[in-house]
Every structure is written in structure tokens, then in C-alpha cells.
PDB file of N, CA and C in Angstrom:
ATOM      1  N   MET A   1       6.170   2.952   8.603  1.00  0.00           N
ATOM      2  CA  MET A   1       7.073   2.022   9.234  1.00  0.00           C
ATOM      3  C   MET A   1       7.146   0.739   8.413  1.00  0.00           C
ATOM      4  N   ALA A   2       8.268   0.170   8.409  1.00  0.00           N
ATOM      5  CA  ALA A   2       8.396  -1.149   7.801  1.00  0.00           C
ATOM      6  C   ALA A   2       7.743  -2.160   8.733  1.00  0.00           C
ATOM      7  N   LEU A   3       7.492  -3.314   8.216  1.00  0.00           N
ATOM      8  CA  LEU A   3       6.880  -4.369   9.012  1.00  0.00           C
ATOM      9  C   LEU A   3       7.936  -5.371   9.446  1.00  0.00           C
ATOM     10  N   LEU A   4       7.568  -6.193  10.432  1.00  0.00           N
ATOM     11  CA  LEU A   4       8.476  -7.160  11.019  1.00  0.00           C
ATOM     12  C   LEU A   4       7.727  -8.466  11.238  1.00  0.00           C
ATOM     13  N   ILE A   5       8.339  -9.569  10.867  1.00  0.00           N
ATOM     14  CA  ILE A   5       7.756 -10.882  11.123  1.00  0.00           C
ATOM     15  C   ILE A   5       8.336 -11.395  12.428  1.00  0.00           C
ATOM     16  N   GLU A   6       7.454 -11.720  13.363  1.00  0.00           N
ATOM     17  CA  GLU A   6       7.882 -12.165  14.687  1.00  0.00           C
ATOM     18  C   GLU A   6       8.334 -13.628  14.662  1.00  0.00           C
ATOM     19  N   GLN A   7       9.023 -14.026  15.730  1.00  0.00           N
ATOM     20  CA  GLN A   7       9.607 -15.358  15.835  1.00  0.00           C
ATOM     21  C   GLN A   7       8.585 -16.499  15.812  1.00  0.00           C
ATOM     22  N   ASP A   8       7.318 -16.209  16.089  1.00  0.00           N
ATOM     23  CA  ASP A   8       6.328 -17.283  16.080  1.00  0.00           C
ATOM     24  C   ASP A   8       5.826 -17.617  14.673  1.00  0.00           C
ATOM     25  N   CYS A   9       6.473 -17.053  13.653  1.00  0.00           N
ATOM     26  CA  CYS A   9       6.165 -17.374  12.256  1.00  0.00           C
ATOM     27  C   CYS A   9       6.247 -18.887  12.066  1.00  0.00           C
ATOM     28  N   ILE A  10       5.272 -19.449  11.348  1.00  0.00           N
ATOM     29  CA  ILE A  10       5.239 -20.892  11.110  1.00  0.00           C
ATOM     30  C   ILE A  10       5.725 -21.259   9.694  1.00  0.00           C
ATOM     31  N   ASN A  11       6.282 -20.300   8.980  1.00  0.00           N
ATOM     32  CA  ASN A  11       6.806 -20.535   7.630  1.00  0.00           C
ATOM     33  C   ASN A  11       5.759 -21.155   6.703  1.00  0.00           C
ATOM     34  N   CYS A  12       4.579 -20.589   6.730  1.00  0.00           N
ATOM     35  CA  CYS A  12       3.477 -21.136   5.933  1.00  0.00           C
ATOM     36  C   CYS A  12       3.566 -20.758   4.454  1.00  0.00           C
ATOM     37  N   ASP A  13       4.463 -19.848   4.113  1.00  0.00           N
ATOM     38  CA  ASP A  13       4.671 -19.404   2.728  1.00  0.00           C
ATOM     39  C   ASP A  13       3.540 -18.537   2.177  1.00  0.00           C
ATOM     40  N   MET A  14       2.686 -18.006   3.020  1.00  0.00           N
ATOM     41  CA  MET A  14       1.576 -17.189   2.534  1.00  0.00           C
ATOM     42  C   MET A  14       2.001 -15.755   2.210  1.00  0.00           C
ATOM     43  N   CYS A  15       2.893 -15.192   2.991  1.00  0.00           N
ATOM     44  CA  CYS A  15       3.220 -13.765   2.866  1.00  0.00           C
ATOM     45  C   CYS A  15       4.146 -13.446   1.694  1.00  0.00           C
ATOM     46  N   GLU A  16       5.154 -14.257   1.492  1.00  0.00           N
ATOM     47  CA  GLU A  16       6.200 -13.943   0.513  1.00  0.00           C
ATOM     48  C   GLU A  16       5.660 -13.666  -0.890  1.00  0.00           C
ATOM     49  N   PRO A  17       4.785 -14.492  -1.435  1.00  0.00           N
ATOM     50  CA  PRO A  17       4.304 -14.200  -2.790  1.00  0.00           C
ATOM     51  C   PRO A  17       3.350 -13.006  -2.869  1.00  0.00           C
ATOM     52  N   GLU A  18       2.822 -12.554  -1.743  1.00  0.00           N
ATOM     53  CA  GLU A  18       1.877 -11.435  -1.741  1.00  0.00           C
ATOM     54  C   GLU A  18       2.559 -10.074  -1.740  1.00  0.00           C
ATOM     55  N   CYS A  19       3.850 -10.023  -1.436  1.00  0.00           N
ATOM     56  CA  CYS A  19       4.550  -8.745  -1.312  1.00  0.00           C
ATOM     57  C   CYS A  19       4.854  -8.151  -2.686  1.00  0.00           C
ATOM     58  N   PRO A  20       4.268  -7.009  -3.014  1.00  0.00           N
ATOM     59  CA  PRO A  20       4.499  -6.410  -4.334  1.00  0.00           C
ATOM     60  C   PRO A  20       5.911  -5.847  -4.499  1.00  0.00           C
ATOM     61  N   ASN A  21       6.603  -5.619  -3.385  1.00  0.00           N
ATOM     62  CA  ASN A  21       7.951  -5.047  -3.454  1.00  0.00           C
ATOM     63  C   ASN A  21       9.052  -6.094  -3.318  1.00  0.00           C
ATOM     64  N   GLU A  22       8.657  -7.357  -3.211  1.00  0.00           N
ATOM     65  CA  GLU A  22       9.609  -8.448  -3.016  1.00  0.00           C
ATOM     66  C   GLU A  22      10.506  -8.183  -1.805  1.00  0.00           C
ATOM     67  N   ALA A  23       9.895  -7.653  -0.747  1.00  0.00           N
ATOM     68  CA  ALA A  23      10.629  -7.334   0.478  1.00  0.00           C
ATOM     69  C   ALA A  23      10.712  -8.518   1.430  1.00  0.00           C
ATOM     70  N   ILE A  24       9.901  -9.539   1.211  1.00  0.00           N
ATOM     71  CA  ILE A  24       9.868 -10.694   2.112  1.00  0.00           C
ATOM     72  C   ILE A  24      10.727 -11.809   1.536  1.00  0.00           C
ATOM     73  N   PHE A  25      11.561 -12.387   2.399  1.00  0.00           N
ATOM     74  CA  PHE A  25      12.456 -13.458   1.977  1.00  0.00           C
ATOM     75  C   PHE A  25      12.624 -14.441   3.127  1.00  0.00           C
ATOM     76  N   TYR A  26      13.056 -15.637   2.800  1.00  0.00           N
ATOM     77  CA  TYR A  26      13.284 -16.639   3.832  1.00  0.00           C
ATOM     78  C   TYR A  26      14.651 -16.395   4.452  1.00  0.00           C
ATOM     79  N   GLY A  27      14.666 -16.150   5.761  1.00  0.00           N
ATOM     80  CA  GLY A  27      15.908 -15.897   6.486  1.00  0.00           C
ATOM     81  C   GLY A  27      16.518 -17.187   7.010  1.00  0.00           C
ATOM     82  N   GLU A  28      17.237 -17.079   8.123  1.00  0.00           N
ATOM     83  CA  GLU A  28      17.899 -18.257   8.687  1.00  0.00           C
ATOM     84  C   GLU A  28      16.909 -19.309   9.185  1.00  0.00           C
ATOM     85  N   SER A  29      15.802 -18.851   9.788  1.00  0.00           N
ATOM     86  CA  SER A  29      14.841 -19.832  10.307  1.00  0.00           C
ATOM     87  C   SER A  29      13.385 -19.479  10.028  1.00  0.00           C
ATOM     88  N   ILE A  30      13.113 -18.215   9.742  1.00  0.00           N
ATOM     89  CA  ILE A  30      11.754 -17.769   9.427  1.00  0.00           C
ATOM     90  C   ILE A  30      11.824 -16.742   8.300  1.00  0.00           C
ATOM     91  N   TYR A  31      10.663 -16.371   7.808  1.00  0.00           N
ATOM     92  CA  TYR A  31      10.617 -15.307   6.809  1.00  0.00           C
ATOM     93  C   TYR A  31      10.983 -13.985   7.474  1.00  0.00           C
ATOM     94  N   GLU A  32      11.596 -13.102   6.698  1.00  0.00           N
ATOM     95  CA  GLU A  32      11.995 -11.791   7.174  1.00  0.00           C
ATOM     96  C   GLU A  32      11.553 -10.742   6.162  1.00  0.00           C
ATOM     97  N   ILE A  33      11.533  -9.485   6.598  1.00  0.00           N
ATOM     98  CA  ILE A  33      11.145  -8.378   5.733  1.00  0.00           C
ATOM     99  C   ILE A  33      12.293  -7.388   5.643  1.00  0.00           C
ATOM    100  N   ASP A  34      12.687  -7.044   4.428  1.00  0.00           N
ATOM    101  CA  ASP A  34      13.730  -6.049   4.197  1.00  0.00           C
ATOM    102  C   ASP A  34      13.111  -4.669   4.400  1.00  0.00           C
ATOM    103  N   PRO A  35      13.509  -3.938   5.443  1.00  0.00           N
ATOM    104  CA  PRO A  35      12.889  -2.642   5.716  1.00  0.00           C
ATOM    105  C   PRO A  35      13.168  -1.602   4.639  1.00  0.00           C
ATOM    106  N   ASP A  36      14.201  -1.809   3.836  1.00  0.00           N
ATOM    107  CA  ASP A  36      14.492  -0.871   2.750  1.00  0.00           C
ATOM    108  C   ASP A  36      13.533  -1.027   1.575  1.00  0.00           C
ATOM    109  N   LYS A  37      12.849  -2.160   1.507  1.00  0.00           N
ATOM    110  CA  LYS A  37      11.900  -2.404   0.416  1.00  0.00           C
ATOM    111  C   LYS A  37      10.444  -2.353   0.875  1.00  0.00           C
ATOM    112  N   CYS A  38      10.195  -2.475   2.171  1.00  0.00           N
ATOM    113  CA  CYS A  38       8.823  -2.524   2.672  1.00  0.00           C
ATOM    114  C   CYS A  38       8.203  -1.134   2.719  1.00  0.00           C
ATOM    115  N   THR A  39       7.073  -0.996   2.038  1.00  0.00           N
ATOM    116  CA  THR A  39       6.310   0.261   2.067  1.00  0.00           C
ATOM    117  C   THR A  39       4.947   0.045   2.719  1.00  0.00           C
ATOM    118  N   GLU A  40       4.775  -1.089   3.392  1.00  0.00           N
ATOM    119  CA  GLU A  40       3.478  -1.491   3.942  1.00  0.00           C
ATOM    120  C   GLU A  40       2.403  -1.483   2.851  1.00  0.00           C
ATOM    121  N   CYS A  41       2.833  -1.767   1.643  1.00  0.00           N
ATOM    122  CA  CYS A  41       1.996  -1.833   0.437  1.00  0.00           C
ATOM    123  C   CYS A  41       1.460  -0.473  -0.026  1.00  0.00           C
ATOM    124  N   ILE A  42       1.917   0.610   0.599  1.00  0.00           N
ATOM    125  CA  ILE A  42       1.525   1.937   0.108  1.00  0.00           C
ATOM    126  C   ILE A  42       2.024   2.069  -1.324  1.00  0.00           C
ATOM    127  N   GLY A  43       1.153   2.553  -2.193  1.00  0.00           N
ATOM    128  CA  GLY A  43       1.460   2.650  -3.608  1.00  0.00           C
ATOM    129  C   GLY A  43       0.909   1.484  -4.403  1.00  0.00           C
ATOM    130  N   HIS A  44       0.547   0.417  -3.698  1.00  0.00           N
ATOM    131  CA  HIS A  44      -0.011  -0.768  -4.351  1.00  0.00           C
ATOM    132  C   HIS A  44      -1.417  -1.085  -3.847  1.00  0.00           C
ATOM    133  N   TYR A  45      -1.566  -1.167  -2.528  1.00  0.00           N
ATOM    134  CA  TYR A  45      -2.820  -1.597  -1.911  1.00  0.00           C
ATOM    135  C   TYR A  45      -3.169  -0.701  -0.726  1.00  0.00           C
ATOM    136  N   ASP A  46      -4.400  -0.805  -0.267  1.00  0.00           N
ATOM    137  CA  ASP A  46      -4.846  -0.037   0.893  1.00  0.00           C
ATOM    138  C   ASP A  46      -4.314  -0.608   2.206  1.00  0.00           C
ATOM    139  N   ASN A  47      -4.064  -1.906   2.227  1.00  0.00           N
ATOM    140  CA  ASN A  47      -3.604  -2.581   3.446  1.00  0.00           C
ATOM    141  C   ASN A  47      -2.397  -3.447   3.121  1.00  0.00           C
ATOM    142  N   PRO A  48      -1.507  -3.643   4.106  1.00  0.00           N
ATOM    143  CA  PRO A  48      -0.386  -4.556   3.880  1.00  0.00           C
ATOM    144  C   PRO A  48      -0.894  -5.966   3.587  1.00  0.00           C
ATOM    145  N   GLN A  49      -0.525  -6.477   2.446  1.00  0.00           N
ATOM    146  CA  GLN A  49      -1.023  -7.783   2.006  1.00  0.00           C
ATOM    147  C   GLN A  49      -0.499  -8.924   2.859  1.00  0.00           C
ATOM    148  N   CYS A  50       0.720  -8.812   3.360  1.00  0.00           N
ATOM    149  CA  CYS A  50       1.267  -9.884   4.192  1.00  0.00           C
ATOM    150  C   CYS A  50       0.464 -10.033   5.482  1.00  0.00           C
ATOM    151  N   ILE A  51       0.054  -8.918   6.049  1.00  0.00           N
ATOM    152  CA  ILE A  51      -0.764  -8.973   7.270  1.00  0.00           C
ATOM    153  C   ILE A  51      -2.117  -9.601   6.956  1.00  0.00           C
ATOM    154  N   ASP A  52      -2.688  -9.232   5.819  1.00  0.00           N
ATOM    155  CA  ASP A  52      -3.999  -9.767   5.443  1.00  0.00           C
ATOM    156  C   ASP A  52      -4.004 -11.284   5.284  1.00  0.00           C
ATOM    157  N   VAL A  53      -2.901 -11.859   4.804  1.00  0.00           N
ATOM    158  CA  VAL A  53      -2.880 -13.306   4.552  1.00  0.00           C
ATOM    159  C   VAL A  53      -2.245 -14.131   5.667  1.00  0.00           C
ATOM    160  N   CYS A  54      -1.622 -13.493   6.636  1.00  0.00           N
ATOM    161  CA  CYS A  54      -0.942 -14.234   7.707  1.00  0.00           C
ATOM    162  C   CYS A  54      -1.962 -14.946   8.592  1.00  0.00           C
ATOM    163  N   PRO A  55      -1.902 -16.273   8.670  1.00  0.00           N
ATOM    164  CA  PRO A  55      -2.896 -17.019   9.443  1.00  0.00           C
ATOM    165  C   PRO A  55      -2.706 -16.947  10.960  1.00  0.00           C
ATOM    166  N   ILE A  56      -1.533 -16.501  11.401  1.00  0.00           N
ATOM    167  CA  ILE A  56      -1.318 -16.463  12.852  1.00  0.00           C
ATOM    168  C   ILE A  56      -1.033 -15.055  13.379  1.00  0.00           C
ATOM    169  N   ASP A  57      -1.193 -14.062  12.548  1.00  0.00           N
ATOM    170  CA  ASP A  57      -1.010 -12.661  12.954  1.00  0.00           C
ATOM    171  C   ASP A  57       0.339 -12.408  13.611  1.00  0.00           C
ATOM    172  N   CYS A  58       1.405 -12.802  12.937  1.00  0.00           N
ATOM    173  CA  CYS A  58       2.740 -12.618  13.508  1.00  0.00           C
ATOM    174  C   CYS A  58       3.513 -11.486  12.837  1.00  0.00           C
ATOM    175  N   ILE A  59       2.829 -10.633  12.072  1.00  0.00           N
ATOM    176  CA  ILE A  59       3.499  -9.518  11.405  1.00  0.00           C
ATOM    177  C   ILE A  59       3.067  -8.230  12.075  1.00  0.00           C
ATOM    178  N   ILE A  60       4.051  -7.482  12.536  1.00  0.00           N
ATOM    179  CA  ILE A  60       3.790  -6.250  13.289  1.00  0.00           C
ATOM    180  C   ILE A  60       4.565  -5.084  12.670  1.00  0.00           C
ATOM    181  N   THR A  61       4.283  -3.894  13.145  1.00  0.00           N
ATOM    182  CA  THR A  61       5.054  -2.725  12.763  1.00  0.00           C
ATOM    183  C   THR A  61       6.425  -2.827  13.418  1.00  0.00           C
ATOM    184  N   ASP A  62       7.453  -2.613  12.647  1.00  0.00           N
ATOM    185  CA  ASP A  62       8.827  -2.723  13.139  1.00  0.00           C
ATOM    186  C   ASP A  62       9.179  -1.470  13.946  1.00  0.00           C
ATOM    187  N   PRO A  63       9.364  -1.603  15.258  1.00  0.00           N
ATOM    188  CA  PRO A  63       9.642  -0.436  16.085  1.00  0.00           C
ATOM    189  C   PRO A  63      10.984   0.233  15.773  1.00  0.00           C
ATOM    190  N   GLU A  64      11.861  -0.475  15.084  1.00  0.00           N
ATOM    191  CA  GLU A  64      13.165   0.101  14.744  1.00  0.00           C
ATOM    192  C   GLU A  64      13.177   0.828  13.408  1.00  0.00           C
ATOM    193  N   HIS A  65      12.057   0.793  12.688  1.00  0.00           N
ATOM    194  CA  HIS A  65      11.982   1.447  11.381  1.00  0.00           C
ATOM    195  C   HIS A  65      10.688   2.244  11.274  1.00  0.00           C
ATOM    196  N   LYS A  66      10.613   3.312  12.028  1.00  0.00           N
ATOM    197  CA  LYS A  66       9.414   4.144  12.038  1.00  0.00           C
ATOM    198  C   LYS A  66       9.430   5.108  10.864  1.00  0.00           C
ATOM    199  N   GLU A  67       8.354   5.061  10.073  1.00  0.00           N
ATOM    200  CA  GLU A  67       8.223   5.929   8.909  1.00  0.00           C
ATOM    201  C   GLU A  67       6.776   6.390   8.805  1.00  0.00           C
ATOM    202  N   SER A  68       6.596   7.618   8.388  1.00  0.00           N
ATOM    203  CA  SER A  68       5.252   8.157   8.189  1.00  0.00           C
ATOM    204  C   SER A  68       4.689   7.622   6.878  1.00  0.00           C
ATOM    205  N   PRO A  69       3.374   7.747   6.695  1.00  0.00           N
ATOM    206  CA  PRO A  69       2.803   7.346   5.393  1.00  0.00           C
ATOM    207  C   PRO A  69       3.458   8.076   4.218  1.00  0.00           C
ATOM    208  N   GLN A  70       3.808   9.337   4.397  1.00  0.00           N
ATOM    209  CA  GLN A  70       4.465  10.083   3.324  1.00  0.00           C
ATOM    210  C   GLN A  70       5.864   9.528   3.049  1.00  0.00           C
ATOM    211  N   GLU A  71       6.586   9.161   4.088  1.00  0.00           N
ATOM    212  CA  GLU A  71       7.910   8.562   3.894  1.00  0.00           C
ATOM    213  C   GLU A  71       7.797   7.220   3.173  1.00  0.00           C
ATOM    214  N   LEU A  72       6.771   6.441   3.514  1.00  0.00           N
ATOM    215  CA  LEU A  72       6.556   5.167   2.834  1.00  0.00           C
ATOM    216  C   LEU A  72       6.206   5.388   1.364  1.00  0.00           C
ATOM    217  N   LEU A  73       5.400   6.407   1.079  1.00  0.00           N
ATOM    218  CA  LEU A  73       5.067   6.731  -0.306  1.00  0.00           C
ATOM    219  C   LEU A  73       6.317   7.176  -1.066  1.00  0.00           C
ATOM    220  N   ASN A  74       7.154   7.974  -0.424  1.00  0.00           N
ATOM    221  CA  ASN A  74       8.403   8.399  -1.059  1.00  0.00           C
ATOM    222  C   ASN A  74       9.307   7.202  -1.342  1.00  0.00           C
ATOM    223  N   LYS A  75       9.343   6.238  -0.425  1.00  0.00           N
ATOM    224  CA  LYS A  75      10.139   5.034  -0.640  1.00  0.00           C
ATOM    225  C   LYS A  75       9.584   4.259  -1.836  1.00  0.00           C
ATOM    226  N   PHE A  76       8.241   4.146  -1.914  1.00  0.00           N
ATOM    227  CA  PHE A  76       7.614   3.496  -3.059  1.00  0.00           C
ATOM    228  C   PHE A  76       8.033   4.174  -4.361  1.00  0.00           C
ATOM    229  N   LYS A  77       7.979   5.495  -4.391  1.00  0.00           N
ATOM    230  CA  LYS A  77       8.342   6.245  -5.599  1.00  0.00           C
ATOM    231  C   LYS A  77       9.807   6.026  -5.961  1.00  0.00           C
ATOM    232  N   THR A  78      10.669   5.936  -4.966  1.00  0.00           N
ATOM    233  CA  THR A  78      12.082   5.670  -5.218  1.00  0.00           C
ATOM    234  C   THR A  78      12.290   4.263  -5.769  1.00  0.00           C
ATOM    235  N   LEU A  79      11.601   3.290  -5.170  1.00  0.00           N
ATOM    236  CA  LEU A  79      11.731   1.912  -5.633  1.00  0.00           C
ATOM    237  C   LEU A  79      11.297   1.753  -7.078  1.00  0.00           C
ATOM    238  N   TYR A  80      10.296   2.514  -7.470  1.00  0.00           N
ATOM    239  CA  TYR A  80       9.742   2.381  -8.821  1.00  0.00           C
ATOM    240  C   TYR A  80      10.085   3.550  -9.722  1.00  0.00           C
ATOM    241  N   GLN A  81      11.087   4.338  -9.306  1.00  0.00           N
ATOM    242  CA  GLN A  81      11.616   5.463 -10.112  1.00  0.00           C
ATOM    243  C   GLN A  81      10.529   6.390 -10.620  1.00  0.00           C
ATOM    244  N   MET A  82       9.647   6.808  -9.737  1.00  0.00           N
ATOM    245  CA  MET A  82       8.555   7.712 -10.149  1.00  0.00           C
ATOM    246  C   MET A  82       8.899   9.140  -9.816  1.00  0.00           C
TER     247      MET A  82
END
């Protein structure tokens, strides 16, 4: 599943530079995650880096973008042409 930044985001700028897929960007009022680029760091790290660095735990699994670990790995391979 892709991840989602909730509305209680404080725009601390911690998550955006940690994303290896450049899926995190500043939206209209808070940071957002592009579900087409988010692999939950599969292919790069054992854990989603944005969740690891978020000081207020406002990043959750996006209920509208459910994907299995294999689907996330396939997305990673597509993003990096493997």
C-alpha cells in the first residue's frame, strides 16, 4: 500500500528528503505522498523512512491504495527499470 500523510502534519520537513523515490512533495497545505511513486521503501530499506523520521506519527497506510508487498516490489522495479 502507498502511504498517506494525515492532516495533523506539522510540515517539519523531515520526511521529504528521506524518500528514496521522491514521492513526497509539499501540497496545498501539508506534505503529500504520490501513491504512484510510493513503494513504502521496498527495494531500498526494510522500513518506510518517512514513518521512521516523522516526529508526530502522522503517516499511515493509505486505505485507498492497497498493494501487496509483491505489488510494491513490482512498482519499485518499474520505477527503476529493472
